[in-house]
Amino acid sequence: MAAGETIVFDDMSKRFGAVHAVSDLTFTVEPGRVTGFLGPNGAGKSTSLRVLLGLVNPSTGTATIGGARYATLRDPVRRVGAALEATFHPGRSARAHLSSVAVAGGIPRARVGEVLELVGATPYADRRVGGYSLGMRQRLALATALLGDPGVLVLDEPINGLDPEGIRWIRGLLRSLAAEGRTVLLSSHLLSEVQQTVDDVVVIAGGRLRYTGPLAGLGTGPVTIVDAPDRPALAAALQGAGFALRVDAGDLVVDADPADVGRVAQAAGVALRELRQRSGGLEDEFLALVGQELPPPPPPGSTPIPGEAPR
């Protein structure tokens, strides 16, 4: 097994014409830990990972593994394993796919059987990949990443498509790989998918860094749940007072004290039907970081705000 290595994004930006996909991204991923790279769809996660793996060049800044760009690594298949938008020939079996990758990378063929067993794919290893479910393809992608027994793993949405048993399995596997001293970086657009797996998180939205640090560092302060028969009027009053709003499972959530929320509603003449405090969770903080808030209230007669039933 190769040793884990530090991943460093240093003021990295990537532009596609006039589009700034990633701007001034700086963070570090340490060996021996599982780091979640989180953000909504379109946040810039895949672009950042593609820069890290040398698939696209950064516009400015750097992304390095062990102090070097991926393109300059010696024997990269044994240092870095990646599962990023993996595609497979539908007519080949998993065993045939892995065997071809092993031959190209100078990896002993015996390793193919080891990784198939490791990811639980042995029972269907000789079936054509074209008949695989998404979860089975995810296991094959992970087997491909592990083929060279690398010290660094870069995985894009590895939990997507797995059933509950598969999610428990991959959590245990990734934790064990990090415990061996490997560097594990995995992306996801949902904190709920990975919060039982990761040690550290990097949160981006709109191509910009919003948080980097231990999972426990995400705030868990209380939030206020509020509602009114006239929800658009309530939203307009609260947003006019500078409060950020969002809808979570149908609830209107405000990052403020209930007394302050009540005073604003009273001053605006909005009658409330609900006003209570709820202990803030990681998901609340994550949604706040990525800016999934309510838009400004629409003018009268237009489309209602999210979470408001049409009238």
Protein backbone atom coordinates (compact mmCIF):
# COMPACT_ATOMS: atom_id res chain seq x y z
CA MET A 1 0.00 0.00 0.00
CA ALA A 2 1.22 3.48 -0.87
CA ALA A 3 1.33 6.05 1.91
CA GLY A 4 -1.36 8.67 2.22
CA GLU A 5 -0.43 12.09 0.88
CA THR A 6 -1.70 15.59 1.54
CA ILE A 7 -3.99 17.16 -1.06
CA VAL A 8 -3.70 20.94 -1.33
CA PHE A 9 -5.86 23.37 -3.29
CA ASP A 10 -4.04 26.71 -3.29
CA ASP A 11 -6.03 29.71 -4.54
CA MET A 12 -7.32 27.58 -7.44
CA SER A 13 -9.74 29.09 -9.94
CA LYS A 14 -11.21 27.71 -13.14
CA ARG A 15 -13.02 29.73 -15.79
CA PHE A 16 -14.81 28.46 -18.88
CA GLY A 17 -15.08 31.58 -20.99
CA ALA A 18 -17.15 34.07 -19.01
CA VAL A 19 -18.26 31.41 -16.51
CA HIS A 20 -16.34 31.26 -13.23
CA ALA A 21 -16.83 27.60 -12.27
CA VAL A 22 -14.47 27.80 -9.26
CA SER A 23 -13.00 30.91 -7.64
CA ASP A 24 -10.02 31.17 -5.28
CA LEU A 25 -10.43 27.72 -3.74
CA THR A 26 -8.00 27.00 -0.89
CA PHE A 27 -8.15 23.99 1.44
CA THR A 28 -6.13 20.96 2.57
CA VAL A 29 -7.04 17.26 2.82
CA GLU A 30 -4.94 15.29 5.30
CA PRO A 31 -3.99 11.58 5.32
CA GLY A 32 -5.67 9.29 7.82
CA ARG A 33 -9.01 11.10 7.58
CA VAL A 34 -12.14 10.96 5.43
CA THR A 35 -12.91 14.39 4.01
CA GLY A 36 -16.31 15.21 2.52
CA PHE A 37 -16.32 17.68 -0.37
CA LEU A 38 -19.85 19.06 -0.17
CA GLY A 39 -22.04 21.45 -2.08
CA PRO A 40 -25.22 21.58 -4.15
CA ASN A 41 -25.29 20.40 -7.74
CA GLY A 42 -23.40 22.90 -9.89
CA ALA A 43 -21.31 24.18 -6.97
CA GLY A 44 -18.01 23.37 -8.70
CA LYS A 45 -17.14 20.08 -6.99
CA SER A 46 -16.64 18.00 -10.15
CA THR A 47 -14.65 20.77 -11.84
CA SER A 48 -12.36 20.98 -8.81
CA LEU A 49 -11.79 17.21 -8.79
CA ARG A 50 -11.09 17.22 -12.52
CA VAL A 51 -8.45 19.90 -11.96
CA LEU A 52 -6.93 17.83 -9.15
CA LEU A 53 -6.72 14.77 -11.41
CA GLY A 54 -5.19 16.68 -14.32
CA LEU A 55 -8.23 16.35 -16.59
CA VAL A 56 -8.52 20.13 -16.97
CA ASN A 57 -6.01 22.87 -16.26
CA PRO A 58 -6.72 25.54 -13.65
CA SER A 59 -7.01 29.13 -14.80
CA THR A 60 -5.01 30.25 -11.77
CA GLY A 61 -3.62 28.60 -8.66
CA THR A 62 -2.79 24.93 -8.13
CA ALA A 63 -4.19 21.62 -6.94
CA THR A 64 -1.52 19.16 -5.83
CA ILE A 65 -1.09 15.70 -4.33
CA GLY A 66 1.96 15.27 -2.15
CA GLY A 67 3.20 18.64 -3.38
CA ALA A 68 3.03 17.71 -7.08
CA ARG A 69 0.50 18.07 -9.89
CA TYR A 70 -1.13 14.79 -10.87
CA ALA A 71 0.39 14.95 -14.36
CA THR A 72 3.90 14.87 -12.88
CA LEU A 73 3.38 11.96 -10.45
CA ARG A 74 5.49 8.88 -10.95
CA ASP A 75 3.45 5.67 -11.08
CA PRO A 76 0.17 7.53 -10.45
CA VAL A 77 -2.04 4.41 -10.53
CA ARG A 78 -0.31 3.20 -7.35
CA ARG A 79 -0.48 6.59 -5.65
CA VAL A 80 -3.94 7.87 -6.55
CA GLY A 81 -7.15 5.95 -7.14
CA ALA A 82 -10.07 7.88 -8.60
CA ALA A 83 -13.72 7.21 -9.36
CA LEU A 84 -14.84 10.23 -11.33
CA GLU A 85 -17.64 9.88 -13.91
CA ALA A 86 -16.63 6.26 -14.43
CA THR A 87 -17.79 4.63 -17.66
CA PHE A 88 -17.45 0.98 -18.64
CA HIS A 89 -17.80 -0.98 -21.87
CA PRO A 90 -21.27 -2.53 -21.56
CA GLY A 91 -20.19 -5.76 -23.25
CA ARG A 92 -17.30 -6.44 -20.87
CA SER A 93 -17.50 -8.12 -17.50
CA ALA A 94 -16.17 -6.49 -14.35
CA ARG A 95 -13.33 -9.00 -14.31
CA ALA A 96 -12.39 -8.22 -17.90
CA HIS A 97 -12.52 -4.47 -17.26
CA LEU A 98 -10.29 -4.70 -14.21
CA SER A 99 -7.90 -7.06 -15.96
CA SER A 100 -7.40 -4.58 -18.81
CA VAL A 101 -6.75 -1.75 -16.34
CA ALA A 102 -4.30 -3.96 -14.44
CA VAL A 103 -2.35 -4.82 -17.59
CA ALA A 104 -2.18 -1.16 -18.65
CA GLY A 105 -0.95 -0.13 -15.20
CA GLY A 106 1.53 -2.95 -14.70
CA ILE A 107 -0.48 -4.34 -11.78
CA PRO A 108 -0.39 -8.09 -11.04
CA ARG A 109 -3.53 -9.88 -12.30
CA ALA A 110 -4.00 -11.44 -8.87
CA ARG A 111 -5.02 -8.01 -7.61
CA VAL A 112 -8.22 -8.19 -9.72
CA GLY A 113 -9.70 -10.94 -7.58
CA GLU A 114 -8.66 -9.14 -4.39
CA VAL A 115 -10.47 -5.90 -5.22
CA LEU A 116 -13.56 -7.74 -6.50
CA GLU A 117 -13.75 -9.48 -3.14
CA LEU A 118 -13.04 -6.24 -1.27
CA VAL A 119 -15.98 -4.39 -2.83
CA GLY A 120 -18.35 -7.36 -2.73
CA ALA A 121 -18.54 -7.75 -6.51
CA THR A 122 -17.28 -11.34 -6.84
CA PRO A 123 -20.77 -12.90 -7.28
CA TYR A 124 -21.40 -10.92 -10.49
CA ALA A 125 -17.80 -10.38 -11.64
CA ASP A 126 -18.29 -12.33 -14.88
CA ARG A 127 -21.59 -10.74 -15.91
CA ARG A 128 -21.66 -8.03 -18.57
CA VAL A 129 -21.52 -4.55 -17.11
CA GLY A 130 -24.34 -3.42 -19.37
CA GLY A 131 -26.76 -5.30 -17.10
CA TYR A 132 -25.46 -3.79 -13.87
CA SER A 133 -27.52 -1.60 -11.57
CA LEU A 134 -26.19 1.82 -10.58
CA GLY A 135 -25.10 0.41 -7.21
CA MET A 136 -23.18 -2.43 -8.88
CA ARG A 137 -21.45 0.09 -11.15
CA GLN A 138 -20.49 2.12 -8.10
CA ARG A 139 -18.81 -0.93 -6.60
CA LEU A 140 -16.95 -1.57 -9.85
CA ALA A 141 -15.81 2.06 -9.96
CA LEU A 142 -14.46 1.73 -6.43
CA ALA A 143 -12.74 -1.55 -7.31
CA THR A 144 -11.06 0.23 -10.23
CA ALA A 145 -9.88 3.03 -7.93
CA LEU A 146 -8.44 0.50 -5.46
CA LEU A 147 -6.70 -1.64 -8.07
CA GLY A 148 -3.28 -0.09 -7.57
CA ASP A 149 -3.63 -0.16 -3.74
CA PRO A 150 -3.14 3.63 -3.68
CA GLY A 151 -2.58 5.85 -0.68
CA VAL A 152 -4.96 8.54 -2.00
CA LEU A 153 -8.58 8.01 -3.02
CA VAL A 154 -10.66 10.64 -4.85
CA LEU A 155 -14.29 9.61 -5.20
CA ASP A 156 -17.10 11.57 -6.85
CA GLU A 157 -20.54 10.81 -5.33
CA PRO A 158 -19.58 7.20 -4.37
CA ILE A 159 -22.75 6.64 -2.32
CA ASN A 160 -25.14 7.60 -5.13
CA GLY A 161 -27.23 4.58 -6.17
CA LEU A 162 -26.37 2.37 -3.21
CA ASP A 163 -29.09 0.75 -1.12
CA PRO A 164 -29.05 1.11 2.70
CA GLU A 165 -26.91 -2.03 3.10
CA GLY A 166 -24.49 -0.72 0.49
CA ILE A 167 -24.27 2.66 2.23
CA ARG A 168 -23.39 0.98 5.53
CA TRP A 169 -20.81 -1.13 3.73
CA ILE A 170 -19.07 1.77 2.00
CA ARG A 171 -19.02 3.79 5.23
CA GLY A 172 -17.17 0.99 6.95
CA LEU A 173 -14.79 0.50 4.02
CA LEU A 174 -13.85 4.17 3.73
CA ARG A 175 -13.34 4.45 7.48
CA SER A 176 -11.04 1.40 7.43
CA LEU A 177 -9.05 2.79 4.49
CA ALA A 178 -8.51 6.08 6.33
CA ALA A 179 -7.53 4.17 9.47
CA GLU A 180 -4.72 2.60 7.42
CA GLY A 181 -3.32 6.10 6.85
CA ARG A 182 -4.77 6.72 3.41
CA THR A 183 -6.14 10.05 2.22
CA VAL A 184 -9.85 9.81 1.34
CA LEU A 185 -11.65 12.68 -0.42
CA LEU A 186 -15.25 12.10 -1.45
CA SER A 187 -17.78 14.48 -2.92
CA SER A 188 -21.50 14.64 -2.29
CA HIS A 189 -24.30 17.15 -2.70
CA LEU A 190 -26.03 15.87 0.45
CA LEU A 191 -24.57 16.18 3.93
CA SER A 192 -27.02 13.56 5.18
CA GLU A 193 -25.37 10.96 2.91
CA VAL A 194 -21.90 11.35 4.39
CA GLN A 195 -22.17 12.84 7.87
CA GLN A 196 -21.71 9.40 9.48
CA THR A 197 -18.64 8.76 7.31
CA VAL A 198 -16.50 11.89 7.26
CA ASP A 199 -14.10 13.47 9.75
CA ASP A 200 -13.67 16.78 7.94
CA VAL A 201 -15.80 18.72 5.48
CA VAL A 202 -15.16 21.24 2.76
CA VAL A 203 -18.30 23.11 1.74
CA ILE A 204 -18.50 25.11 -1.50
CA ALA A 205 -21.35 26.89 -3.25
CA GLY A 206 -21.28 29.00 -6.36
CA GLY A 207 -17.69 27.92 -6.90
CA ARG A 208 -16.51 29.52 -3.66
CA LEU A 209 -15.37 28.06 -0.36
CA ARG A 210 -17.94 28.40 2.44
CA TYR A 211 -16.42 26.22 5.18
CA THR A 212 -13.46 23.95 5.76
CA GLY A 213 -12.71 22.08 8.99
CA PRO A 214 -13.91 19.24 11.18
CA LEU A 215 -17.50 18.09 10.87
CA ALA A 216 -18.01 18.92 14.53
CA GLY A 217 -17.14 22.54 13.73
CA LEU A 218 -20.35 23.13 11.85
CA GLY A 219 -22.60 25.17 14.12
CA THR A 220 -25.59 23.54 15.76
CA GLY A 221 -27.28 26.60 17.23
CA PRO A 222 -31.05 26.85 17.58
CA VAL A 223 -33.31 28.03 14.77
CA THR A 224 -36.87 29.33 14.74
CA ILE A 225 -39.79 27.66 12.99
CA VAL A 226 -42.47 30.18 12.03
CA ASP A 227 -45.58 30.20 9.87
CA ALA A 228 -48.63 32.30 9.13
CA PRO A 229 -51.88 31.97 7.17
CA ASP A 230 -50.38 34.59 4.86
CA ARG A 231 -46.91 33.12 4.39
CA PRO A 232 -45.84 35.48 1.56
CA ALA A 233 -46.58 38.49 3.78
CA LEU A 234 -44.61 36.90 6.62
CA ALA A 235 -41.67 36.18 4.31
CA ALA A 236 -41.73 39.76 3.00
CA ALA A 237 -41.70 41.18 6.54
CA LEU A 238 -38.86 38.96 7.75
CA GLN A 239 -36.73 39.45 4.65
CA GLY A 240 -37.36 43.18 4.86
CA ALA A 241 -35.94 43.04 8.39
CA GLY A 242 -32.80 41.32 7.08
CA PHE A 243 -33.55 37.75 8.18
CA ALA A 244 -32.49 34.85 5.93
CA LEU A 245 -35.28 32.32 5.35
CA ARG A 246 -35.38 28.80 3.99
CA VAL A 247 -37.86 25.94 3.73
CA ASP A 248 -36.89 22.64 5.38
CA ALA A 249 -39.35 19.73 5.08
CA GLY A 250 -42.19 22.24 4.64
CA ASP A 251 -41.19 24.35 7.65
CA LEU A 252 -40.25 28.00 7.29
CA VAL A 253 -36.88 28.27 9.08
CA VAL A 254 -35.28 31.50 10.36
CA ASP A 255 -31.81 31.81 11.89
CA ALA A 256 -32.98 34.18 14.63
CA ASP A 257 -34.45 34.23 18.12
CA PRO A 258 -38.23 33.55 18.28
CA ALA A 259 -38.83 36.79 20.19
CA ASP A 260 -37.20 38.83 17.39
CA VAL A 261 -39.19 36.98 14.75
CA GLY A 262 -42.42 37.58 16.67
CA ARG A 263 -41.72 41.31 17.03
CA VAL A 264 -41.12 41.71 13.29
CA ALA A 265 -44.33 39.86 12.45
CA GLN A 266 -46.33 41.93 14.96
CA ALA A 267 -44.93 45.19 13.63
CA ALA A 268 -45.94 44.16 10.10
CA GLY A 269 -49.44 43.18 11.25
CA VAL A 270 -48.96 39.53 10.27
CA ALA A 271 -50.84 37.04 12.44
CA LEU A 272 -48.81 33.92 13.24
CA ARG A 273 -50.08 30.36 13.49
CA GLU A 274 -46.74 28.87 14.55
CA LEU A 275 -43.68 30.20 16.38
CA ARG A 276 -41.26 27.80 18.06
CA GLN A 277 -37.56 27.17 18.56
CA ARG A 278 -35.84 24.06 17.22
CA SER A 279 -32.34 22.86 17.99
CA GLY A 280 -30.29 23.47 14.87
CA GLY A 281 -28.72 20.44 13.24
CA LEU A 282 -25.86 19.91 10.83
CA GLU A 283 -28.24 19.94 7.89
CA ASP A 284 -29.57 23.36 8.90
CA GLU A 285 -26.05 24.76 9.03
CA PHE A 286 -25.13 23.14 5.73
CA LEU A 287 -28.17 24.62 3.98
CA ALA A 288 -27.34 28.02 5.42
CA LEU A 289 -23.74 27.77 4.20
CA VAL A 290 -24.67 26.87 0.64
CA GLY A 291 -27.27 29.62 0.49
CA GLN A 292 -30.36 27.52 -0.11
CA GLU A 293 -32.58 30.26 1.18
CA LEU A 294 -35.95 31.55 0.10
CA PRO A 295 -35.89 34.05 -2.78
CA PRO A 296 -37.42 37.48 -2.28
CA PRO A 297 -41.21 37.29 -2.05
CA PRO A 298 -43.02 37.58 -5.38
CA PRO A 299 -45.37 40.46 -6.12
CA PRO A 300 -49.08 39.91 -5.44
CA GLY A 301 -50.74 37.55 -7.89
CA SER A 302 -47.51 35.87 -9.03
CA THR A 303 -46.13 32.40 -8.23
CA PRO A 304 -46.07 31.77 -4.43
CA ILE A 305 -42.84 31.23 -2.53
CA PRO A 306 -41.51 27.68 -2.10
CA GLY A 307 -43.51 25.71 0.44
CA GLU A 308 -46.67 27.80 -0.04
CA ALA A 309 -49.62 25.92 -1.47
CA PRO A 310 -51.11 27.51 -4.61
CA ARG A 311 -54.25 29.52 -3.95
